[in-house]
N, C-alpha and C. Protein backbone atom coordinates (compact mmCIF):
# COMPACT_ATOMS: atom_id res chain seq x y z
N MET A 1 60.92 78.33 161.71
CA MET A 1 61.06 79.07 160.20
C MET A 1 61.57 77.82 159.65
N GLY A 2 60.53 77.74 158.37
CA GLY A 2 61.51 76.95 157.26
C GLY A 2 61.93 77.88 156.12
N ARG A 3 62.44 76.71 154.88
CA ARG A 3 62.56 77.95 153.73
C ARG A 3 62.17 77.14 153.00
N LEU A 4 61.69 77.63 151.34
CA LEU A 4 61.70 76.86 150.53
C LEU A 4 62.83 77.25 149.49
N ILE A 5 63.26 76.68 148.30
CA ILE A 5 64.66 77.03 147.82
C ILE A 5 64.08 76.48 146.06
N ASN A 6 64.23 77.26 145.21
CA ASN A 6 64.22 76.86 143.46
C ASN A 6 65.42 77.32 143.03
N GLU A 7 66.42 76.58 142.74
CA GLU A 7 67.54 77.21 142.28
C GLU A 7 68.18 78.07 142.84
N ASP A 8 68.52 79.08 142.39
CA ASP A 8 69.26 79.94 143.44
C ASP A 8 68.49 81.46 144.05
N LYS A 9 67.08 81.11 143.87
CA LYS A 9 65.96 81.73 145.04
C LYS A 9 65.65 80.59 145.84
N GLN A 10 65.62 81.71 147.18
CA GLN A 10 64.85 80.85 148.34
C GLN A 10 64.00 82.29 149.30
N VAL A 11 62.99 81.53 149.72
CA VAL A 11 62.29 82.58 150.86
C VAL A 11 61.97 81.75 152.55
N ASP A 12 61.72 82.28 153.04
CA ASP A 12 61.97 81.86 154.10
C ASP A 12 60.25 81.59 154.53
N VAL A 13 59.69 80.71 155.23
CA VAL A 13 58.32 80.15 155.47
C VAL A 13 58.29 79.82 157.11
N PRO A 14 57.39 80.85 157.54
CA PRO A 14 57.05 80.22 159.19
C PRO A 14 56.31 78.75 159.23
N ASP A 15 56.72 78.30 160.16
CA ASP A 15 56.45 76.32 160.28
C ASP A 15 54.65 76.94 160.28
N GLY A 16 54.26 75.87 159.76
CA GLY A 16 52.64 75.80 159.45
C GLY A 16 51.91 76.43 158.60
N GLU A 17 52.92 77.12 157.87
CA GLU A 17 52.13 78.15 157.12
C GLU A 17 52.04 77.56 155.27
N ALA A 18 50.99 77.72 154.59
CA ALA A 18 51.09 76.94 153.18
C ALA A 18 52.02 77.73 152.10
N LEU A 19 52.22 77.11 151.81
CA LEU A 19 53.23 77.30 150.71
C LEU A 19 52.64 78.46 149.88
N VAL A 20 51.50 78.28 149.28
CA VAL A 20 51.00 79.43 148.39
C VAL A 20 50.96 80.49 148.44
N ASP A 21 51.54 81.19 149.40
CA ASP A 21 51.61 82.72 149.88
C ASP A 21 53.37 83.11 149.92
N TYR A 22 53.98 82.15 149.58
CA TYR A 22 55.63 82.00 149.26
C TYR A 22 56.35 81.54 148.11
N ALA A 23 55.75 80.74 147.70
CA ALA A 23 56.16 79.81 146.41
C ALA A 23 56.38 80.82 145.18
N GLU A 24 55.32 82.01 145.22
CA GLU A 24 55.39 82.61 143.94
C GLU A 24 56.39 83.56 143.95
N ALA A 25 57.18 83.95 145.11
CA ALA A 25 58.18 84.44 145.10
C ALA A 25 59.84 84.12 144.65
N ILE A 26 59.55 82.36 144.36
CA ILE A 26 60.95 81.72 143.93
C ILE A 26 60.43 81.25 142.44
N GLY A 27 59.40 81.97 141.65
CA GLY A 27 59.27 81.41 140.63
C GLY A 27 57.93 80.11 140.39
N VAL A 28 57.38 79.72 141.11
CA VAL A 28 56.21 78.85 140.54
C VAL A 28 55.06 79.96 140.77
N GLU A 29 54.04 79.23 139.58
CA GLU A 29 53.46 80.05 138.96
C GLU A 29 52.23 79.43 139.86
N PHE A 30 50.56 80.67 139.78
CA PHE A 30 49.76 80.05 140.21
C PHE A 30 48.44 80.14 139.54
N GLY A 31 47.23 79.88 139.47
CA GLY A 31 46.40 79.56 138.76
C GLY A 31 44.93 79.94 139.66
N CYS A 32 44.36 78.39 139.98
CA CYS A 32 42.97 78.54 140.71
C CYS A 32 43.21 78.97 142.23
N TYR A 33 44.38 78.51 143.02
CA TYR A 33 44.67 78.31 144.42
C TYR A 33 43.76 77.43 144.94
N SER A 34 43.51 76.45 144.20
CA SER A 34 42.12 75.56 144.67
C SER A 34 42.52 73.93 144.84
N GLY A 35 43.56 73.49 143.78
CA GLY A 35 43.98 72.40 143.58
C GLY A 35 43.69 71.47 142.26
N ALA A 36 42.83 72.51 141.56
CA ALA A 36 41.97 72.03 140.34
C ALA A 36 42.82 72.26 139.00
N CYS A 37 43.88 73.26 138.76
CA CYS A 37 44.23 73.58 137.91
C CYS A 37 45.47 72.86 137.31
N GLY A 38 46.60 72.60 138.35
CA GLY A 38 47.55 72.24 138.04
C GLY A 38 48.54 73.05 137.69
N THR A 39 48.20 74.34 137.79
CA THR A 39 49.65 75.41 137.62
C THR A 39 50.50 75.33 138.63
N CYS A 40 50.42 75.14 139.90
CA CYS A 40 51.40 75.20 140.83
C CYS A 40 52.02 74.20 140.89
N ARG A 41 52.08 72.99 140.12
CA ARG A 41 52.33 71.36 140.26
C ARG A 41 53.81 71.78 140.36
N ILE A 42 54.60 71.19 141.23
CA ILE A 42 55.91 70.93 141.75
C ILE A 42 56.49 69.79 141.88
N GLU A 43 57.98 69.41 141.87
CA GLU A 43 58.54 68.41 142.23
C GLU A 43 59.70 68.51 143.33
N ILE A 44 59.04 67.75 144.41
CA ILE A 44 60.11 68.22 145.60
C ILE A 44 61.68 67.42 145.21
N LEU A 45 62.96 68.25 144.99
CA LEU A 45 64.12 67.57 145.32
C LEU A 45 64.38 67.07 146.40
N LYS A 46 64.04 67.76 147.63
CA LYS A 46 64.73 67.48 148.92
C LYS A 46 63.78 67.90 149.90
N GLY A 47 63.58 67.22 150.96
CA GLY A 47 62.78 67.59 151.95
C GLY A 47 61.26 67.31 151.86
N MET A 48 60.88 66.55 151.21
CA MET A 48 59.34 66.06 151.23
C MET A 48 58.87 65.70 152.57
N GLU A 49 59.94 65.20 153.60
CA GLU A 49 59.30 64.84 154.98
C GLU A 49 58.81 66.02 155.82
N ASN A 50 59.50 67.10 155.47
CA ASN A 50 59.04 68.53 156.20
C ASN A 50 57.08 69.07 155.42
N LEU A 51 56.92 68.58 154.47
CA LEU A 51 55.74 69.17 153.78
C LEU A 51 54.52 68.04 154.63
N SER A 52 53.23 68.76 154.61
CA SER A 52 51.95 68.07 155.17
C SER A 52 51.92 66.86 154.27
N ASP A 53 50.91 65.99 154.87
CA ASP A 53 50.51 64.75 153.86
C ASP A 53 49.66 64.91 152.47
N LEU A 54 49.68 64.59 151.50
CA LEU A 54 48.98 64.94 150.43
C LEU A 54 47.36 64.87 150.78
N SER A 55 46.91 66.21 150.31
CA SER A 55 45.57 66.50 150.46
C SER A 55 44.65 65.51 149.34
N GLU A 56 43.37 65.71 149.58
CA GLU A 56 42.49 65.46 148.87
C GLU A 56 42.59 65.39 147.86
N GLU A 57 42.61 66.91 147.41
CA GLU A 57 42.54 67.36 146.11
C GLU A 57 43.88 67.15 145.16
N GLU A 58 44.99 66.69 146.08
CA GLU A 58 46.19 66.19 145.34
C GLU A 58 45.89 64.79 145.00
N THR A 59 45.56 64.19 145.97
CA THR A 59 45.26 62.73 145.62
C THR A 59 44.10 62.49 144.23
N ASP A 60 43.25 63.34 144.57
CA ASP A 60 41.80 63.47 143.34
C ASP A 60 43.26 63.77 141.87
N PHE A 61 43.97 64.79 141.90
CA PHE A 61 44.46 65.32 140.74
C PHE A 61 45.54 64.23 140.19
N GLY A 62 45.77 62.63 141.07
CA GLY A 62 46.65 62.02 140.60
C GLY A 62 48.20 62.06 140.91
N LEU A 63 48.25 62.81 141.49
CA LEU A 63 49.61 63.27 142.03
C LEU A 63 50.10 61.90 143.24
N GLU A 64 51.46 61.79 142.36
CA GLU A 64 52.29 60.57 143.56
C GLU A 64 53.81 61.10 143.39
N GLY A 65 54.36 60.01 144.17
CA GLY A 65 55.71 60.57 144.30
C GLY A 65 56.47 61.85 145.01
N ALA A 66 57.21 62.48 144.19
CA ALA A 66 57.64 63.44 144.80
C ALA A 66 56.82 64.73 144.04
N GLU A 67 55.78 64.98 143.60
CA GLU A 67 54.91 66.17 143.02
C GLU A 67 53.89 66.64 144.08
N ARG A 68 53.97 67.65 143.99
CA ARG A 68 52.68 68.28 144.92
C ARG A 68 52.14 68.99 144.09
N LEU A 69 51.15 70.22 144.74
CA LEU A 69 50.43 71.30 144.58
C LEU A 69 50.71 72.30 145.36
N THR A 70 51.80 73.21 145.19
CA THR A 70 51.70 74.19 146.13
C THR A 70 50.83 74.69 146.84
N CYS A 71 49.64 75.04 146.48
CA CYS A 71 48.72 75.68 146.70
C CYS A 71 47.80 74.33 147.94
N GLN A 72 48.33 73.54 147.70
CA GLN A 72 47.72 72.41 148.88
C GLN A 72 48.93 72.26 150.14
N CYS A 73 49.81 72.53 149.59
CA CYS A 73 50.91 71.82 150.85
C CYS A 73 50.97 73.19 152.02
N THR A 74 51.36 72.42 153.22
CA THR A 74 52.10 73.27 154.43
C THR A 74 53.34 72.62 154.71
N LEU A 75 54.30 73.95 154.96
CA LEU A 75 55.39 73.65 155.61
C LEU A 75 55.23 73.30 156.96
N ASN A 76 55.87 71.82 157.25
CA ASN A 76 55.59 72.01 159.12
C ASN A 76 56.84 72.42 159.45
N GLN A 77 58.14 72.39 158.79
CA GLN A 77 59.41 72.87 159.53
C GLN A 77 60.68 72.54 158.36
N GLY A 78 61.70 72.74 158.52
CA GLY A 78 62.96 72.70 157.67
C GLY A 78 62.71 73.17 156.39
N GLU A 79 63.55 72.85 155.40
CA GLU A 79 63.68 73.47 154.36
C GLU A 79 63.34 72.35 153.13
N VAL A 80 62.97 72.97 152.06
CA VAL A 80 62.22 72.16 151.00
C VAL A 80 62.75 72.59 149.42
N SER A 81 63.44 72.08 149.08
CA SER A 81 63.92 72.22 147.79
C SER A 81 63.09 71.65 146.81
N LEU A 82 62.83 72.54 145.84
CA LEU A 82 61.46 71.92 144.62
C LEU A 82 62.08 72.57 143.02
N ARG A 83 60.96 72.03 142.28
CA ARG A 83 61.53 72.86 140.91
C ARG A 83 59.80 72.83 140.47
N PRO A 84 59.57 73.71 139.90
CA PRO A 84 58.05 73.64 139.15
C PRO A 84 57.86 72.76 137.72
N VAL A 85 57.09 72.31 137.88
CA VAL A 85 56.72 71.16 136.93
C VAL A 85 55.71 71.57 135.58
N HIS A 86 56.44 71.75 134.46
CA HIS A 86 55.56 72.62 133.36
C HIS A 86 55.16 71.70 132.44
């Protein structure tokens, strides 16, 4: 079991699960759920190694560094601290 953390909010996420079903509970907004709109863009503060590799949608969106689209990430294991990018 992994965990997502945004400031003082946190939610447990089963290993191997997509973040899209859990991140909204800790304050991440969603729009399209398909990697096209960028509404769920986040910055990973800690635990990037615990996430899946960048998806084709994230690469096409031009993300690099610590930014990800929550609708495209899977939590492999462990904790991930994040903050929404507005």
